[in-house]
Amino acid sequence: MPIDMDPGAFDALVDRALDEIPDGIAALVHNVVVLVEDEPPEGEPPDLLGLYDGVALTERWGSPPGELPDRILVFRGPLLDLCATEAELEEEVRITVVHEIAHHFGLDDARLHELGYG
């Protein structure tokens, strides 16, 4: 059964997941904003938990001035629907945040599944 959580408490879970990223890795994340949305955008699977919208560091040729940030989107509705407890939700949010940050570094879904973040 899905759980219910107010948006502020959910945002705090995302903040905690970001705070748990090791400093050495966090220092390499540049020009990325993390946003919480209620649902995935139209055209995406309704059970999508997160989405990296940007160009992976492995695909870049520099960083032009004035470049808009890449975005990591975390989708509250599908995560709440997936989880039965707050502990399970916290773990799924953590996995989702790590998964999307890994896309920023160029890891694809196949490799993330091998590492247990799929």
Protein backbone atom coordinates (compact mmCIF):
# COMPACT_ATOMS: atom_id res chain seq x y z
CA MET A 1 0.00 0.00 0.00
CA PRO A 2 1.46 3.39 -0.93
CA ILE A 3 2.38 5.79 1.82
CA ASP A 4 1.43 9.43 2.21
CA MET A 5 3.97 12.14 3.00
CA ASP A 6 3.70 15.90 2.80
CA PRO A 7 5.88 17.62 0.18
CA GLY A 8 8.18 19.25 2.76
CA ALA A 9 9.01 15.92 4.39
CA PHE A 10 9.62 14.36 0.98
CA ASP A 11 11.93 17.23 0.01
CA ALA A 12 13.85 16.60 3.23
CA LEU A 13 14.42 12.98 2.15
CA VAL A 14 15.89 14.22 -1.13
CA ASP A 15 18.09 16.70 0.76
CA ARG A 16 19.35 13.90 3.03
CA ALA A 17 20.12 11.70 0.02
CA LEU A 18 22.14 14.55 -1.50
CA ASP A 19 23.96 15.16 1.79
CA GLU A 20 25.02 11.48 1.81
CA ILE A 21 26.87 11.81 -1.50
CA PRO A 22 30.58 11.53 -0.62
CA ASP A 23 32.37 14.90 -0.69
CA GLY A 24 34.84 13.74 -3.34
CA ILE A 25 32.01 12.88 -5.73
CA ALA A 26 29.85 15.89 -4.84
CA ALA A 27 32.80 18.18 -5.63
CA LEU A 28 32.77 16.86 -9.22
CA VAL A 29 29.09 17.63 -9.79
CA HIS A 30 28.88 21.00 -11.54
CA ASN A 31 25.96 23.04 -12.82
CA VAL A 32 23.26 20.54 -11.81
CA VAL A 33 20.00 21.37 -10.09
CA VAL A 34 17.89 18.75 -8.29
CA LEU A 35 14.14 19.28 -8.47
CA VAL A 36 11.20 17.36 -7.03
CA GLU A 37 8.16 17.04 -9.30
CA ASP A 38 4.86 15.37 -8.47
CA GLU A 39 4.75 13.17 -11.59
CA PRO A 40 6.92 12.34 -14.62
CA PRO A 41 6.41 14.49 -17.72
CA GLU A 42 3.92 13.48 -20.36
CA GLY A 43 5.38 10.82 -22.62
CA GLU A 44 7.47 9.23 -19.87
CA PRO A 45 6.44 6.03 -18.06
CA PRO A 46 4.06 6.88 -15.18
CA ASP A 47 6.16 4.79 -12.77
CA LEU A 48 9.42 6.63 -13.55
CA LEU A 49 11.18 7.50 -10.28
CA GLY A 50 13.77 9.97 -11.54
CA LEU A 51 15.20 11.52 -14.67
CA TYR A 52 18.54 13.07 -15.61
CA ASP A 53 18.00 15.88 -18.11
CA GLY A 54 21.37 17.04 -19.37
CA VAL A 55 24.62 16.10 -21.02
CA ALA A 56 26.82 13.62 -19.18
CA LEU A 57 30.31 14.81 -18.29
CA THR A 58 31.72 12.09 -20.54
CA GLU A 59 29.93 13.67 -23.53
CA ARG A 60 30.93 17.31 -22.94
CA TRP A 61 33.51 19.39 -24.74
CA GLY A 62 33.73 22.11 -22.12
CA SER A 63 31.28 24.32 -20.35
CA PRO A 64 30.23 27.40 -22.30
CA PRO A 65 29.48 30.53 -20.26
CA GLY A 66 25.83 31.04 -19.48
CA GLU A 67 24.98 27.38 -19.98
CA LEU A 68 21.76 26.31 -18.28
CA PRO A 69 22.20 23.68 -15.57
CA ASP A 70 21.52 20.02 -16.08
CA ARG A 71 18.49 18.84 -14.12
CA ILE A 72 17.87 15.84 -11.94
CA LEU A 73 14.15 15.32 -11.47
CA VAL A 74 12.84 13.17 -8.63
CA PHE A 75 9.19 12.15 -8.96
CA ARG A 76 7.29 12.13 -5.67
CA GLY A 77 4.11 10.32 -6.85
CA PRO A 78 5.73 7.18 -8.26
CA LEU A 79 8.09 6.92 -5.28
CA LEU A 80 5.21 7.21 -2.80
CA ASP A 81 3.23 4.64 -4.80
CA LEU A 82 6.15 2.21 -4.80
CA CYS A 83 6.87 2.24 -1.07
CA ALA A 84 4.95 0.86 1.90
CA THR A 85 7.05 2.39 4.71
CA GLU A 86 8.99 5.58 5.31
CA ALA A 87 12.20 3.56 5.68
CA GLU A 88 11.60 1.96 2.27
CA LEU A 89 10.83 5.39 0.78
CA GLU A 90 14.02 6.88 2.20
CA GLU A 91 16.06 4.05 0.65
CA GLU A 92 14.33 4.37 -2.75
CA VAL A 93 14.86 8.14 -2.77
CA ARG A 94 18.56 7.58 -1.98
CA ILE A 95 18.89 5.02 -4.77
CA THR A 96 17.07 7.30 -7.22
CA VAL A 97 19.28 10.31 -6.41
CA VAL A 98 22.48 8.25 -6.73
CA HIS A 99 21.20 6.70 -9.97
CA GLU A 100 20.53 10.09 -11.56
CA ILE A 101 23.84 11.58 -10.38
CA ALA A 102 25.57 8.56 -11.91
CA HIS A 103 23.99 9.48 -15.26
CA HIS A 104 25.66 12.90 -14.88
CA PHE A 105 28.98 11.02 -14.77
CA GLY A 106 28.09 8.99 -17.87
CA LEU A 107 27.02 5.67 -16.34
CA ASP A 108 24.21 4.02 -18.30
CA ASP A 109 21.27 2.05 -16.93
CA ALA A 110 22.87 -1.33 -17.65
CA ARG A 111 25.94 -0.49 -15.56
CA LEU A 112 23.80 0.99 -12.79
CA HIS A 113 21.75 -2.22 -12.63
CA GLU A 114 25.00 -4.20 -12.29
CA LEU A 115 25.97 -1.95 -9.37
CA GLY A 116 22.57 -2.32 -7.67
CA TYR A 117 21.28 1.15 -8.50
CA GLY A 118 18.84 0.21 -11.23
